[in-house]
Amino acid sequence: MVTRFECPTLLALCLAYALHLRIKRSVRRDATGFLDATVLVDWRRRTLLNISLWTDVDSIYSMGRDDLLVSVAHLPPRRCVRSSGGVFCYAGDWR
């Protein structure tokens, strides 16, 4: 799963970065099927990409069990942060 956050200010980007680090720990504790996540930051464009790996598509829905993630999900619009996301499924053998 890839989620993109386009922040209007550097302060909003720093806040988004800090929140993602905190949420990662919380999701690891509460969600099933979560493997790992990483955050890529383009400071010049004030864009953050959150890339998370899951064991299967159904396990992504277990994010809804994490109270912190659910409460923080409402922050981007309040901070004028544009967000978009996509789910990319494993399509088979790489060969």
PDB file of N, CA and C in Angstrom:
ATOM      1  N   MET A   1       0.856  -1.163   0.000  1.00  0.00           N
ATOM      2  CA  MET A   1       0.000   0.000   0.000  1.00  0.00           C
ATOM      3  C   MET A   1       0.901   1.223   0.000  1.00  0.00           C
ATOM      4  N   VAL A   2       0.575   2.192  -0.850  1.00  0.00           N
ATOM      5  CA  VAL A   2       1.343   3.433  -0.925  1.00  0.00           C
ATOM      6  C   VAL A   2       0.395   4.595  -0.672  1.00  0.00           C
ATOM      7  N   THR A   3       0.759   5.446   0.270  1.00  0.00           N
ATOM      8  CA  THR A   3      -0.015   6.644   0.564  1.00  0.00           C
ATOM      9  C   THR A   3       0.884   7.849   0.381  1.00  0.00           C
ATOM     10  N   ARG A   4       0.383   8.836  -0.341  1.00  0.00           N
ATOM     11  CA  ARG A   4       1.155  10.054  -0.650  1.00  0.00           C
ATOM     12  C   ARG A   4       0.511  11.235   0.074  1.00  0.00           C
ATOM     13  N   PHE A   5       1.356  12.044   0.705  1.00  0.00           N
ATOM     14  CA  PHE A   5       0.905  13.242   1.403  1.00  0.00           C
ATOM     15  C   PHE A   5       1.658  14.441   0.839  1.00  0.00           C
ATOM     16  N   GLU A   6       0.924  15.391   0.294  1.00  0.00           N
ATOM     17  CA  GLU A   6       1.510  16.625  -0.228  1.00  0.00           C
ATOM     18  C   GLU A   6       1.199  17.736   0.760  1.00  0.00           C
ATOM     19  N   CYS A   7       2.244  18.247   1.397  1.00  0.00           N
ATOM     20  CA  CYS A   7       2.081  19.212   2.494  1.00  0.00           C
ATOM     21  C   CYS A   7       2.317  20.635   2.009  1.00  0.00           C
ATOM     22  N   PRO A   8       1.519  21.584   2.485  1.00  0.00           N
ATOM     23  CA  PRO A   8       1.675  22.975   2.055  1.00  0.00           C
ATOM     24  C   PRO A   8       2.876  23.680   2.688  1.00  0.00           C
ATOM     25  N   THR A   9       3.295  23.223   3.877  1.00  0.00           N
ATOM     26  CA  THR A   9       4.405  23.875   4.569  1.00  0.00           C
ATOM     27  C   THR A   9       5.390  22.820   5.085  1.00  0.00           C
ATOM     28  N   LEU A  10       6.564  23.277   5.391  1.00  0.00           N
ATOM     29  CA  LEU A  10       7.576  22.397   5.964  1.00  0.00           C
ATOM     30  C   LEU A  10       7.154  21.912   7.349  1.00  0.00           C
ATOM     31  N   LEU A  11       6.493  22.753   8.095  1.00  0.00           N
ATOM     32  CA  LEU A  11       6.005  22.360   9.417  1.00  0.00           C
ATOM     33  C   LEU A  11       4.990  21.223   9.311  1.00  0.00           C
ATOM     34  N   ALA A  12       4.080  21.313   8.356  1.00  0.00           N
ATOM     35  CA  ALA A  12       3.094  20.244   8.151  1.00  0.00           C
ATOM     36  C   ALA A  12       3.785  18.950   7.746  1.00  0.00           C
ATOM     37  N   LEU A  13       4.833  19.038   6.934  1.00  0.00           N
ATOM     38  CA  LEU A  13       5.586  17.854   6.527  1.00  0.00           C
ATOM     39  C   LEU A  13       6.284  17.208   7.719  1.00  0.00           C
ATOM     40  N   CYS A  14       6.892  18.015   8.561  1.00  0.00           N
ATOM     41  CA  CYS A  14       7.555  17.481   9.757  1.00  0.00           C
ATOM     42  C   CYS A  14       6.558  16.815  10.695  1.00  0.00           C
ATOM     43  N   LEU A  15       5.388  17.410  10.839  1.00  0.00           N
ATOM     44  CA  LEU A  15       4.341  16.821  11.667  1.00  0.00           C
ATOM     45  C   LEU A  15       3.877  15.482  11.078  1.00  0.00           C
ATOM     46  N   ALA A  16       3.677  15.442   9.775  1.00  0.00           N
ATOM     47  CA  ALA A  16       3.260  14.198   9.120  1.00  0.00           C
ATOM     48  C   ALA A  16       4.317  13.113   9.295  1.00  0.00           C
ATOM     49  N   TYR A  17       5.573  13.488   9.183  1.00  0.00           N
ATOM     50  CA  TYR A  17       6.671  12.525   9.350  1.00  0.00           C
ATOM     51  C   TYR A  17       6.689  11.958  10.774  1.00  0.00           C
ATOM     52  N   ALA A  18       6.583  12.836  11.751  1.00  0.00           N
ATOM     53  CA  ALA A  18       6.591  12.386  13.147  1.00  0.00           C
ATOM     54  C   ALA A  18       5.392  11.494  13.458  1.00  0.00           C
ATOM     55  N   LEU A  19       4.233  11.856  12.945  1.00  0.00           N
ATOM     56  CA  LEU A  19       3.042  11.042  13.176  1.00  0.00           C
ATOM     57  C   LEU A  19       3.163   9.663  12.538  1.00  0.00           C
ATOM     58  N   HIS A  20       3.761   9.586  11.363  1.00  0.00           N
ATOM     59  CA  HIS A  20       3.909   8.286  10.705  1.00  0.00           C
ATOM     60  C   HIS A  20       4.835   7.360  11.489  1.00  0.00           C
ATOM     61  N   LEU A  21       5.860   7.907  12.079  1.00  0.00           N
ATOM     62  CA  LEU A  21       6.748   7.075  12.895  1.00  0.00           C
ATOM     63  C   LEU A  21       6.014   6.529  14.110  1.00  0.00           C
ATOM     64  N   ARG A  22       5.191   7.357  14.710  1.00  0.00           N
ATOM     65  CA  ARG A  22       4.428   6.917  15.883  1.00  0.00           C
ATOM     66  C   ARG A  22       3.339   5.912  15.501  1.00  0.00           C
ATOM     67  N   ILE A  23       2.660   6.175  14.395  1.00  0.00           N
ATOM     68  CA  ILE A  23       1.588   5.290  13.952  1.00  0.00           C
ATOM     69  C   ILE A  23       2.135   3.923  13.563  1.00  0.00           C
ATOM     70  N   LYS A  24       3.318   3.877  12.986  1.00  0.00           N
ATOM     71  CA  LYS A  24       3.908   2.597  12.583  1.00  0.00           C
ATOM     72  C   LYS A  24       4.013   1.645  13.773  1.00  0.00           C
ATOM     73  N   ARG A  25       4.470   2.153  14.899  1.00  0.00           N
ATOM     74  CA  ARG A  25       4.573   1.319  16.108  1.00  0.00           C
ATOM     75  C   ARG A  25       3.199   0.856  16.573  1.00  0.00           C
ATOM     76  N   SER A  26       2.238   1.758  16.502  1.00  0.00           N
ATOM     77  CA  SER A  26       0.897   1.436  16.950  1.00  0.00           C
ATOM     78  C   SER A  26       0.237   0.392  16.043  1.00  0.00           C
ATOM     79  N   VAL A  27       0.385   0.546  14.737  1.00  0.00           N
ATOM     80  CA  VAL A  27      -0.189  -0.415  13.790  1.00  0.00           C
ATOM     81  C   VAL A  27       0.485  -1.773  13.953  1.00  0.00           C
ATOM     82  N   ARG A  28       1.777  -1.779  14.149  1.00  0.00           N
ATOM     83  CA  ARG A  28       2.493  -3.052  14.348  1.00  0.00           C
ATOM     84  C   ARG A  28       1.908  -3.819  15.544  1.00  0.00           C
ATOM     85  N   ARG A  29       1.522  -3.093  16.561  1.00  0.00           N
ATOM     86  CA  ARG A  29       0.972  -3.708  17.766  1.00  0.00           C
ATOM     87  C   ARG A  29      -0.467  -4.186  17.571  1.00  0.00           C
ATOM     88  N   ASP A  30      -1.298  -3.412  16.842  1.00  0.00           N
ATOM     89  CA  ASP A  30      -2.731  -3.676  16.797  1.00  0.00           C
ATOM     90  C   ASP A  30      -3.225  -4.410  15.546  1.00  0.00           C
ATOM     91  N   ALA A  31      -2.567  -4.241  14.423  1.00  0.00           N
ATOM     92  CA  ALA A  31      -3.068  -4.813  13.167  1.00  0.00           C
ATOM     93  C   ALA A  31      -2.481  -6.208  12.922  1.00  0.00           C
ATOM     94  N   THR A  32      -3.264  -7.038  12.269  1.00  0.00           N
ATOM     95  CA  THR A  32      -2.780  -8.363  11.893  1.00  0.00           C
ATOM     96  C   THR A  32      -2.330  -8.324  10.434  1.00  0.00           C
ATOM     97  N   GLY A  33      -1.280  -9.051  10.127  1.00  0.00           N
ATOM     98  CA  GLY A  33      -0.800  -9.119   8.753  1.00  0.00           C
ATOM     99  C   GLY A  33       0.127  -7.997   8.343  1.00  0.00           C
ATOM    100  N   PHE A  34       0.444  -7.089   9.236  1.00  0.00           N
ATOM    101  CA  PHE A  34       1.354  -5.988   8.926  1.00  0.00           C
ATOM    102  C   PHE A  34       2.791  -6.507   8.946  1.00  0.00           C
ATOM    103  N   LEU A  35       3.526  -6.291   7.856  1.00  0.00           N
ATOM    104  CA  LEU A  35       4.916  -6.734   7.793  1.00  0.00           C
ATOM    105  C   LEU A  35       5.879  -5.617   8.165  1.00  0.00           C
ATOM    106  N   ASP A  36       5.807  -4.508   7.447  1.00  0.00           N
ATOM    107  CA  ASP A  36       6.696  -3.386   7.730  1.00  0.00           C
ATOM    108  C   ASP A  36       6.246  -2.183   6.908  1.00  0.00           C
ATOM    109  N   ALA A  37       6.828  -1.043   7.220  1.00  0.00           N
ATOM    110  CA  ALA A  37       6.527   0.189   6.489  1.00  0.00           C
ATOM    111  C   ALA A  37       7.764   1.061   6.474  1.00  0.00           C
ATOM    112  N   THR A  38       7.835   1.889   5.473  1.00  0.00           N
ATOM    113  CA  THR A  38       8.907   2.867   5.395  1.00  0.00           C
ATOM    114  C   THR A  38       8.323   4.188   4.904  1.00  0.00           C
ATOM    115  N   VAL A  39       9.011   5.250   5.220  1.00  0.00           N
ATOM    116  CA  VAL A  39       8.580   6.579   4.819  1.00  0.00           C
ATOM    117  C   VAL A  39       9.677   7.195   3.968  1.00  0.00           C
ATOM    118  N   LEU A  40       9.298   7.701   2.814  1.00  0.00           N
ATOM    119  CA  LEU A  40      10.222   8.424   1.941  1.00  0.00           C
ATOM    120  C   LEU A  40       9.780   9.882   1.909  1.00  0.00           C
ATOM    121  N   VAL A  41      10.728  10.780   2.096  1.00  0.00           N
ATOM    122  CA  VAL A  41      10.394  12.206   2.169  1.00  0.00           C
ATOM    123  C   VAL A  41      11.142  12.959   1.077  1.00  0.00           C
ATOM    124  N   ASP A  42      10.388  13.729   0.299  1.00  0.00           N
ATOM    125  CA  ASP A  42      10.968  14.655  -0.669  1.00  0.00           C
ATOM    126  C   ASP A  42      10.807  16.046  -0.056  1.00  0.00           C
ATOM    127  N   TRP A  43      11.857  16.503   0.611  1.00  0.00           N
ATOM    128  CA  TRP A  43      11.781  17.755   1.364  1.00  0.00           C
ATOM    129  C   TRP A  43      11.532  18.947   0.448  1.00  0.00           C
ATOM    130  N   ARG A  44      12.123  18.935  -0.728  1.00  0.00           N
ATOM    131  CA  ARG A  44      11.980  20.075  -1.632  1.00  0.00           C
ATOM    132  C   ARG A  44      10.539  20.239  -2.103  1.00  0.00           C
ATOM    133  N   ARG A  45       9.878  19.122  -2.406  1.00  0.00           N
ATOM    134  CA  ARG A  45       8.482  19.164  -2.861  1.00  0.00           C
ATOM    135  C   ARG A  45       7.491  19.057  -1.703  1.00  0.00           C
ATOM    136  N   ARG A  46       7.997  18.901  -0.487  1.00  0.00           N
ATOM    137  CA  ARG A  46       7.179  18.753   0.722  1.00  0.00           C
ATOM    138  C   ARG A  46       6.164  17.618   0.560  1.00  0.00           C
ATOM    139  N   THR A  47       6.707  16.480   0.116  1.00  0.00           N
ATOM    140  CA  THR A  47       5.881  15.295  -0.130  1.00  0.00           C
ATOM    141  C   THR A  47       6.416  14.122   0.664  1.00  0.00           C
ATOM    142  N   LEU A  48       5.497  13.364   1.240  1.00  0.00           N
ATOM    143  CA  LEU A  48       5.841  12.188   2.028  1.00  0.00           C
ATOM    144  C   LEU A  48       5.136  10.980   1.412  1.00  0.00           C
ATOM    145  N   LEU A  49       5.876   9.900   1.215  1.00  0.00           N
ATOM    146  CA  LEU A  49       5.305   8.643   0.751  1.00  0.00           C
ATOM    147  C   LEU A  49       5.430   7.618   1.863  1.00  0.00           C
ATOM    148  N   ASN A  50       4.329   7.006   2.210  1.00  0.00           N
ATOM    149  CA  ASN A  50       4.326   5.935   3.191  1.00  0.00           C
ATOM    150  C   ASN A  50       4.079   4.637   2.430  1.00  0.00           C
ATOM    151  N   ILE A  51       5.027   3.719   2.486  1.00  0.00           N
ATOM    152  CA  ILE A  51       4.920   2.440   1.792  1.00  0.00           C
ATOM    153  C   ILE A  51       4.841   1.351   2.850  1.00  0.00           C
ATOM    154  N   SER A  52       3.719   0.633   2.869  1.00  0.00           N
ATOM    155  CA  SER A  52       3.549  -0.423   3.861  1.00  0.00           C
ATOM    156  C   SER A  52       3.321  -1.760   3.161  1.00  0.00           C
ATOM    157  N   LEU A  53       3.826  -2.804   3.803  1.00  0.00           N
ATOM    158  CA  LEU A  53       3.705  -4.162   3.274  1.00  0.00           C
ATOM    159  C   LEU A  53       2.809  -4.981   4.183  1.00  0.00           C
ATOM    160  N   TRP A  54       1.949  -5.763   3.567  1.00  0.00           N
ATOM    161  CA  TRP A  54       0.973  -6.574   4.283  1.00  0.00           C
ATOM    162  C   TRP A  54       1.017  -7.996   3.750  1.00  0.00           C
ATOM    163  N   THR A  55       0.632  -8.942   4.581  1.00  0.00           N
ATOM    164  CA  THR A  55       0.667 -10.341   4.156  1.00  0.00           C
ATOM    165  C   THR A  55      -0.359 -10.629   3.071  1.00  0.00           C
ATOM    166  N   ASP A  56      -1.510  -9.967   3.117  1.00  0.00           N
ATOM    167  CA  ASP A  56      -2.540 -10.128   2.088  1.00  0.00           C
ATOM    168  C   ASP A  56      -3.433  -8.891   2.083  1.00  0.00           C
ATOM    169  N   VAL A  57      -4.249  -8.775   1.068  1.00  0.00           N
ATOM    170  CA  VAL A  57      -5.091  -7.588   0.918  1.00  0.00           C
ATOM    171  C   VAL A  57      -6.088  -7.466   2.065  1.00  0.00           C
ATOM    172  N   ASP A  58      -6.649  -8.575   2.515  1.00  0.00           N
ATOM    173  CA  ASP A  58      -7.644  -8.523   3.594  1.00  0.00           C
ATOM    174  C   ASP A  58      -7.079  -7.975   4.898  1.00  0.00           C
ATOM    175  N   SER A  59      -5.791  -8.191   5.148  1.00  0.00           N
ATOM    176  CA  SER A  59      -5.201  -7.729   6.404  1.00  0.00           C
ATOM    177  C   SER A  59      -5.092  -6.203   6.473  1.00  0.00           C
ATOM    178  N   ILE A  60      -5.159  -5.534   5.344  1.00  0.00           N
ATOM    179  CA  ILE A  60      -5.101  -4.069   5.340  1.00  0.00           C
ATOM    180  C   ILE A  60      -6.265  -3.493   6.150  1.00  0.00           C
ATOM    181  N   TYR A  61      -7.399  -4.165   6.128  1.00  0.00           N
ATOM    182  CA  TYR A  61      -8.570  -3.668   6.853  1.00  0.00           C
ATOM    183  C   TYR A  61      -8.380  -3.707   8.369  1.00  0.00           C
ATOM    184  N   SER A  62      -7.403  -4.468   8.847  1.00  0.00           N
ATOM    185  CA  SER A  62      -7.170  -4.510  10.291  1.00  0.00           C
ATOM    186  C   SER A  62      -6.580  -3.201  10.809  1.00  0.00           C
ATOM    187  N   MET A  63      -6.166  -2.292   9.910  1.00  0.00           N
ATOM    188  CA  MET A  63      -5.710  -0.978  10.352  1.00  0.00           C
ATOM    189  C   MET A  63      -6.816  -0.251  11.105  1.00  0.00           C
ATOM    190  N   GLY A  64      -8.060  -0.560  10.784  1.00  0.00           N
ATOM    191  CA  GLY A  64      -9.189   0.094  11.433  1.00  0.00           C
ATOM    192  C   GLY A  64      -9.307  -0.216  12.913  1.00  0.00           C
ATOM    193  N   ARG A  65      -8.587  -1.233  13.376  1.00  0.00           N
ATOM    194  CA  ARG A  65      -8.590  -1.570  14.817  1.00  0.00           C
ATOM    195  C   ARG A  65      -7.694  -0.655  15.623  1.00  0.00           C
ATOM    196  N   ASP A  66      -6.817   0.059  14.940  1.00  0.00           N
ATOM    197  CA  ASP A  66      -5.856   0.914  15.632  1.00  0.00           C
ATOM    198  C   ASP A  66      -6.487   2.287  15.886  1.00  0.00           C
ATOM    199  N   ASP A  67      -6.769   2.578  17.144  1.00  0.00           N
ATOM    200  CA  ASP A  67      -7.440   3.831  17.512  1.00  0.00           C
ATOM    201  C   ASP A  67      -6.619   5.064  17.137  1.00  0.00           C
ATOM    202  N   LEU A  68      -5.301   4.988  17.302  1.00  0.00           N
ATOM    203  CA  LEU A  68      -4.454   6.131  16.973  1.00  0.00           C
ATOM    204  C   LEU A  68      -4.526   6.438  15.478  1.00  0.00           C
ATOM    205  N   LEU A  69      -4.432   5.435  14.650  1.00  0.00           N
ATOM    206  CA  LEU A  69      -4.486   5.643  13.202  1.00  0.00           C
ATOM    207  C   LEU A  69      -5.828   6.234  12.785  1.00  0.00           C
ATOM    208  N   VAL A  70      -6.891   5.734  13.354  1.00  0.00           N
ATOM    209  CA  VAL A  70      -8.223   6.228  13.013  1.00  0.00           C
ATOM    210  C   VAL A  70      -8.361   7.699  13.411  1.00  0.00           C
ATOM    211  N   SER A  71      -7.865   8.073  14.580  1.00  0.00           N
ATOM    212  CA  SER A  71      -7.988   9.467  15.019  1.00  0.00           C
ATOM    213  C   SER A  71      -7.091  10.400  14.207  1.00  0.00           C
ATOM    214  N   VAL A  72      -5.907   9.951  13.830  1.00  0.00           N
ATOM    215  CA  VAL A  72      -4.972  10.791  13.069  1.00  0.00           C
ATOM    216  C   VAL A  72      -5.392  10.904  11.605  1.00  0.00           C
ATOM    217  N   ALA A  73      -6.189   9.973  11.123  1.00  0.00           N
ATOM    218  CA  ALA A  73      -6.608   9.992   9.718  1.00  0.00           C
ATOM    219  C   ALA A  73      -7.395  11.253   9.367  1.00  0.00           C
ATOM    220  N   HIS A  74      -7.947  11.940  10.356  1.00  0.00           N
ATOM    221  CA  HIS A  74      -8.719  13.151  10.102  1.00  0.00           C
ATOM    222  C   HIS A  74      -7.858  14.412  10.089  1.00  0.00           C
ATOM    223  N   LEU A  75      -6.588  14.305  10.415  1.00  0.00           N
ATOM    224  CA  LEU A  75      -5.726  15.489  10.478  1.00  0.00           C
ATOM    225  C   LEU A  75      -5.334  16.079   9.121  1.00  0.00           C
ATOM    226  N   PRO A  76      -4.996  15.284   8.099  1.00  0.00           N
ATOM    227  CA  PRO A  76      -4.515  15.909   6.846  1.00  0.00           C
ATOM    228  C   PRO A  76      -5.426  16.987   6.273  1.00  0.00           C
ATOM    229  N   PRO A  77      -6.737  16.769   6.158  1.00  0.00           N
ATOM    230  CA  PRO A  77      -7.561  17.854   5.605  1.00  0.00           C
ATOM    231  C   PRO A  77      -7.551  19.116   6.459  1.00  0.00           C
ATOM    232  N   ARG A  78      -7.438  18.950   7.766  1.00  0.00           N
ATOM    233  CA  ARG A  78      -7.415  20.114   8.660  1.00  0.00           C
ATOM    234  C   ARG A  78      -6.137  20.926   8.496  1.00  0.00           C
ATOM    235  N   ARG A  79      -5.068  20.258   8.075  1.00  0.00           N
ATOM    236  CA  ARG A  79      -3.775  20.929   7.860  1.00  0.00           C
ATOM    237  C   ARG A  79      -3.550  21.275   6.395  1.00  0.00           C
ATOM    238  N   CYS A  80      -4.588  21.159   5.576  1.00  0.00           N
ATOM    239  CA  CYS A  80      -4.517  21.427   4.127  1.00  0.00           C
ATOM    240  C   CYS A  80      -3.525  20.501   3.420  1.00  0.00           C
ATOM    241  N   VAL A  81      -3.368  19.302   3.952  1.00  0.00           N
ATOM    242  CA  VAL A  81      -2.489  18.305   3.349  1.00  0.00           C
ATOM    243  C   VAL A  81      -3.327  17.457   2.406  1.00  0.00           C
ATOM    244  N   ARG A  82      -2.891  17.370   1.158  1.00  0.00           N
ATOM    245  CA  ARG A  82      -3.584  16.520   0.183  1.00  0.00           C
ATOM    246  C   ARG A  82      -3.032  15.102   0.299  1.00  0.00           C
ATOM    247  N   SER A  83      -3.927  14.136   0.347  1.00  0.00           N
ATOM    248  CA  SER A  83      -3.476  12.754   0.448  1.00  0.00           C
ATOM    249  C   SER A  83      -4.148  11.908  -0.628  1.00  0.00           C
ATOM    250  N   SER A  84      -3.418  10.899  -1.060  1.00  0.00           N
ATOM    251  CA  SER A  84      -3.946   9.925  -2.014  1.00  0.00           C
ATOM    252  C   SER A  84      -3.244   8.605  -1.728  1.00  0.00           C
ATOM    253  N   GLY A  85      -3.857   7.540  -2.164  1.00  0.00           N
ATOM    254  CA  GLY A  85      -3.261   6.244  -1.872  1.00  0.00           C
ATOM    255  C   GLY A  85      -3.652   5.206  -2.896  1.00  0.00           C
ATOM    256  N   GLY A  86      -2.916   4.121  -2.867  1.00  0.00           N
ATOM    257  CA  GLY A  86      -3.201   3.025  -3.778  1.00  0.00           C
ATOM    258  C   GLY A  86      -2.768   1.714  -3.168  1.00  0.00           C
ATOM    259  N   VAL A  87      -3.490   0.670  -3.529  1.00  0.00           N
ATOM    260  CA  VAL A  87      -3.160  -0.675  -3.078  1.00  0.00           C
ATOM    261  C   VAL A  87      -2.633  -1.427  -4.294  1.00  0.00           C
ATOM    262  N   PHE A  88      -1.426  -1.941  -4.179  1.00  0.00           N
ATOM    263  CA  PHE A  88      -0.798  -2.674  -5.258  1.00  0.00           C
ATOM    264  C   PHE A  88      -0.639  -4.123  -4.811  1.00  0.00           C
ATOM    265  N   CYS A  89      -1.358  -5.001  -5.460  1.00  0.00           N
ATOM    266  CA  CYS A  89      -1.367  -6.408  -5.076  1.00  0.00           C
ATOM    267  C   CYS A  89      -0.262  -7.172  -5.789  1.00  0.00           C
ATOM    268  N   TYR A  90       0.230  -8.179  -5.119  1.00  0.00           N
ATOM    269  CA  TYR A  90       1.208  -9.077  -5.713  1.00  0.00           C
ATOM    270  C   TYR A  90       0.522  -9.809  -6.858  1.00  0.00           C
ATOM    271  N   ALA A  91       1.122  -9.754  -8.043  1.00  0.00           N
ATOM    272  CA  ALA A  91       0.460 -10.301  -9.228  1.00  0.00           C
ATOM    273  C   ALA A  91       1.033 -11.629  -9.692  1.00  0.00           C
ATOM    274  N   GLY A  92       1.976 -12.184  -8.942  1.00  0.00           N
ATOM    275  CA  GLY A  92       2.529 -13.481  -9.333  1.00  0.00           C
ATOM    276  C   GLY A  92       4.027 -13.479  -9.393  1.00  0.00           C
ATOM    277  N   ASP A  93       4.556 -14.519  -9.965  1.00  0.00           N
ATOM    278  CA  ASP A  93       6.002 -14.709 -10.045  1.00  0.00           C
ATOM    279  C   ASP A  93       6.653 -13.617 -10.900  1.00  0.00           C
ATOM    280  N   TRP A  94       7.779 -13.117 -10.471  1.00  0.00           N
ATOM    281  CA  TRP A  94       8.463 -12.029 -11.167  1.00  0.00           C
ATOM    282  C   TRP A  94       9.012 -12.459 -12.528  1.00  0.00           C
ATOM    283  N   ARG A  95       9.141 -13.771 -12.746  1.00  0.00           N
ATOM    284  CA  ARG A  95       9.673 -14.235 -14.038  1.00  0.00           C
ATOM    285  C   ARG A  95       8.560 -14.200 -15.046  1.00  0.00           C
TER     286      ARG A  95
END
